[in-house]
N, C-alpha and C. Protein backbone atom coordinates (compact mmCIF):
# COMPACT_ATOMS: atom_id res chain seq x y z
N MET A 1 1.97 -3.33 -12.63
CA MET A 1 1.55 -1.89 -12.79
C MET A 1 2.24 -0.88 -12.02
N LYS A 2 2.82 -1.28 -10.88
CA LYS A 2 3.49 -0.42 -10.01
C LYS A 2 4.81 0.16 -10.80
N PHE A 3 5.46 -0.65 -11.50
CA PHE A 3 6.52 -0.25 -12.35
C PHE A 3 6.22 0.84 -13.44
N ILE A 4 5.10 0.60 -14.04
CA ILE A 4 4.52 1.52 -15.15
C ILE A 4 4.18 2.84 -14.48
N ARG A 5 3.59 2.82 -13.30
CA ARG A 5 3.18 4.03 -12.75
C ARG A 5 4.40 4.95 -12.31
N LYS A 6 5.46 4.18 -11.92
CA LYS A 6 6.69 5.02 -11.40
C LYS A 6 7.63 5.32 -12.57
N ASN A 7 7.76 4.42 -13.53
CA ASN A 7 8.81 4.66 -14.62
C ASN A 7 8.08 4.88 -15.90
N ARG A 8 8.05 6.15 -16.36
CA ARG A 8 7.34 6.41 -17.59
C ARG A 8 8.32 6.48 -18.90
N ASN A 9 9.56 6.07 -18.59
CA ASN A 9 10.49 6.26 -19.63
C ASN A 9 10.71 4.69 -20.22
N PHE A 10 9.85 4.23 -20.87
CA PHE A 10 9.93 2.95 -21.40
C PHE A 10 9.04 2.75 -22.71
N THR A 11 9.19 1.70 -23.35
CA THR A 11 8.34 1.47 -24.55
C THR A 11 7.96 -0.07 -24.32
N ALA A 12 6.75 -0.31 -24.65
CA ALA A 12 6.19 -1.64 -24.64
C ALA A 12 5.32 -1.87 -25.79
N LEU A 13 5.19 -3.09 -26.30
CA LEU A 13 4.26 -3.30 -27.50
C LEU A 13 3.32 -4.41 -26.98
N ILE A 14 2.06 -4.07 -27.27
CA ILE A 14 0.95 -4.92 -26.91
C ILE A 14 0.09 -5.13 -28.14
N ILE A 15 -0.11 -6.44 -28.41
CA ILE A 15 -0.76 -7.00 -29.60
C ILE A 15 -2.07 -7.56 -28.99
N VAL A 16 -3.29 -6.97 -29.53
CA VAL A 16 -4.56 -7.40 -29.12
C VAL A 16 -5.50 -7.82 -30.23
N PRO A 17 -6.48 -8.54 -30.01
CA PRO A 17 -7.50 -8.82 -31.11
C PRO A 17 -8.09 -7.48 -31.50
N SER A 18 -8.55 -7.45 -32.81
CA SER A 18 -9.08 -6.26 -33.32
C SER A 18 -10.40 -5.74 -32.52
N SER A 19 -11.14 -6.69 -32.11
CA SER A 19 -12.31 -6.32 -31.46
C SER A 19 -12.09 -5.73 -30.08
N LEU A 20 -10.79 -5.81 -29.54
CA LEU A 20 -10.61 -5.20 -28.35
C LEU A 20 -9.61 -4.00 -28.27
N LEU A 21 -9.20 -3.42 -29.46
CA LEU A 21 -8.36 -2.37 -29.62
C LEU A 21 -8.79 -1.22 -28.68
N TYR A 22 -9.92 -0.81 -28.86
CA TYR A 22 -10.34 0.49 -28.13
C TYR A 22 -10.60 0.19 -26.62
N ASN A 23 -11.11 -1.12 -26.30
CA ASN A 23 -11.25 -1.44 -24.89
C ASN A 23 -9.83 -1.42 -24.15
N TRP A 24 -8.87 -1.97 -24.85
CA TRP A 24 -7.54 -2.09 -24.24
C TRP A 24 -7.04 -0.62 -23.98
N LYS A 25 -7.30 0.33 -24.97
CA LYS A 25 -6.93 1.75 -24.79
C LYS A 25 -7.40 2.34 -23.45
N GLU A 26 -8.76 2.10 -23.27
CA GLU A 26 -9.43 2.66 -22.13
C GLU A 26 -8.90 2.01 -20.92
N GLU A 27 -8.64 0.64 -20.95
CA GLU A 27 -8.12 -0.02 -19.70
C GLU A 27 -6.69 0.54 -19.43
N ILE A 28 -5.78 0.63 -20.42
CA ILE A 28 -4.41 1.12 -20.18
C ILE A 28 -4.50 2.50 -19.52
N ILE A 29 -5.36 3.38 -20.02
CA ILE A 29 -5.46 4.72 -19.44
C ILE A 29 -5.97 4.63 -18.12
N LYS A 30 -6.94 3.81 -17.80
CA LYS A 30 -7.57 3.69 -16.51
C LYS A 30 -6.66 3.17 -15.40
N PHE A 31 -5.77 2.19 -15.80
CA PHE A 31 -4.97 1.59 -14.79
C PHE A 31 -3.46 2.14 -14.76
N THR A 32 -3.12 2.92 -15.76
CA THR A 32 -1.71 3.42 -15.65
C THR A 32 -1.76 4.98 -15.84
N GLY A 33 -2.78 5.56 -16.29
CA GLY A 33 -2.74 7.01 -16.58
C GLY A 33 -1.92 7.45 -17.85
N ILE A 34 -1.51 6.36 -18.62
CA ILE A 34 -0.75 6.56 -19.90
C ILE A 34 -1.67 6.45 -21.10
N THR A 35 -1.53 7.45 -21.98
CA THR A 35 -2.40 7.37 -23.24
C THR A 35 -1.57 6.51 -24.24
N PRO A 36 -2.00 5.27 -24.57
CA PRO A 36 -1.23 4.45 -25.53
C PRO A 36 -1.43 5.05 -26.88
N THR A 37 -0.47 4.62 -27.76
CA THR A 37 -0.51 4.92 -29.17
C THR A 37 -0.93 3.74 -30.09
N LEU A 38 -2.10 3.91 -30.70
CA LEU A 38 -2.59 2.93 -31.55
C LEU A 38 -1.84 2.90 -32.91
N ILE A 39 -1.24 1.81 -33.32
CA ILE A 39 -0.55 1.72 -34.59
C ILE A 39 -1.47 1.04 -35.56
N GLU A 40 -2.12 1.86 -36.40
CA GLU A 40 -3.01 1.20 -37.39
C GLU A 40 -2.90 2.07 -38.67
N GLY A 41 -3.65 1.47 -39.67
CA GLY A 41 -3.59 2.14 -41.03
C GLY A 41 -2.85 1.19 -42.07
N THR A 42 -2.42 1.88 -43.09
CA THR A 42 -1.73 1.18 -44.18
C THR A 42 -0.21 0.99 -43.66
N ALA A 43 0.52 0.10 -44.32
CA ALA A 43 1.86 -0.08 -43.96
C ALA A 43 2.70 1.24 -43.84
N SER A 44 2.48 2.16 -44.74
CA SER A 44 3.33 3.41 -44.68
C SER A 44 2.74 4.30 -43.50
N GLN A 45 1.48 4.21 -43.18
CA GLN A 45 1.01 4.96 -42.05
C GLN A 45 1.57 4.35 -40.71
N ARG A 46 1.56 3.09 -40.66
CA ARG A 46 2.10 2.56 -39.39
C ARG A 46 3.58 2.74 -39.31
N ARG A 47 4.34 2.86 -40.41
CA ARG A 47 5.68 3.14 -40.26
C ARG A 47 5.91 4.57 -39.80
N GLU A 48 5.04 5.52 -40.30
CA GLU A 48 5.19 6.84 -39.83
C GLU A 48 4.87 7.04 -38.36
N ILE A 49 3.78 6.29 -37.83
CA ILE A 49 3.59 6.32 -36.43
C ILE A 49 4.76 5.77 -35.60
N ILE A 50 5.30 4.65 -36.08
CA ILE A 50 6.41 4.00 -35.24
C ILE A 50 7.73 5.00 -35.39
N SER A 51 7.83 5.64 -36.45
CA SER A 51 9.03 6.45 -36.58
C SER A 51 8.97 7.64 -35.76
N ARG A 52 7.93 8.07 -35.21
CA ARG A 52 7.76 9.12 -34.27
C ARG A 52 8.53 8.87 -33.00
N GLY A 53 8.67 7.60 -32.77
CA GLY A 53 9.49 7.18 -31.62
C GLY A 53 9.02 7.61 -30.23
N SER A 54 7.66 7.76 -30.06
CA SER A 54 7.17 8.21 -28.80
C SER A 54 7.32 7.12 -27.72
N LYS A 55 7.65 7.54 -26.53
CA LYS A 55 7.72 6.54 -25.31
C LYS A 55 6.28 6.20 -25.01
N GLY A 56 6.20 5.04 -24.24
CA GLY A 56 4.90 4.67 -23.77
C GLY A 56 4.49 3.28 -24.27
N ILE A 57 3.25 3.13 -24.61
CA ILE A 57 2.70 1.85 -24.96
C ILE A 57 2.07 1.83 -26.34
N PRO A 58 2.85 1.47 -27.37
CA PRO A 58 2.13 1.31 -28.59
C PRO A 58 1.47 0.05 -28.67
N TYR A 59 0.23 0.01 -29.35
CA TYR A 59 -0.37 -1.38 -29.48
C TYR A 59 -1.18 -1.51 -30.84
N ASN A 60 -1.36 -2.66 -31.19
CA ASN A 60 -1.94 -3.05 -32.52
C ASN A 60 -2.55 -4.33 -32.45
N ASN A 61 -3.36 -4.69 -33.43
CA ASN A 61 -3.81 -6.05 -33.59
C ASN A 61 -2.84 -6.91 -34.40
N LEU A 62 -3.02 -8.20 -34.43
CA LEU A 62 -2.06 -9.11 -34.94
C LEU A 62 -2.06 -8.95 -36.45
N PRO A 63 -3.19 -8.80 -37.23
CA PRO A 63 -3.01 -8.60 -38.65
C PRO A 63 -2.25 -7.36 -38.96
N GLY A 64 -2.41 -6.20 -38.21
CA GLY A 64 -1.74 -5.06 -38.47
C GLY A 64 -0.19 -5.07 -38.20
N PHE A 65 0.13 -6.05 -37.33
CA PHE A 65 1.53 -6.09 -36.92
C PHE A 65 2.33 -6.75 -37.96
C-alpha cells in the first residue's frame, strides 16, 4: 500500500467475484485514496472504458474479463 500511496502513475488490474465488485471499490478508496475504474457492460462498452487509458486501478469480475 505504501507504493500505491506514493506512486500514482501506474495501472493495475484486479479481478474480483461479482458479489464483491462494489465492496472492493470502497476498500480501494478507503486504503489508497484512489477511485478505481470498474470495467463492466457489453464487450464494446468494456473496450471503450479500457481505451480511455486512465491510470489507476481498473477492476472487473472474471466473467466480464
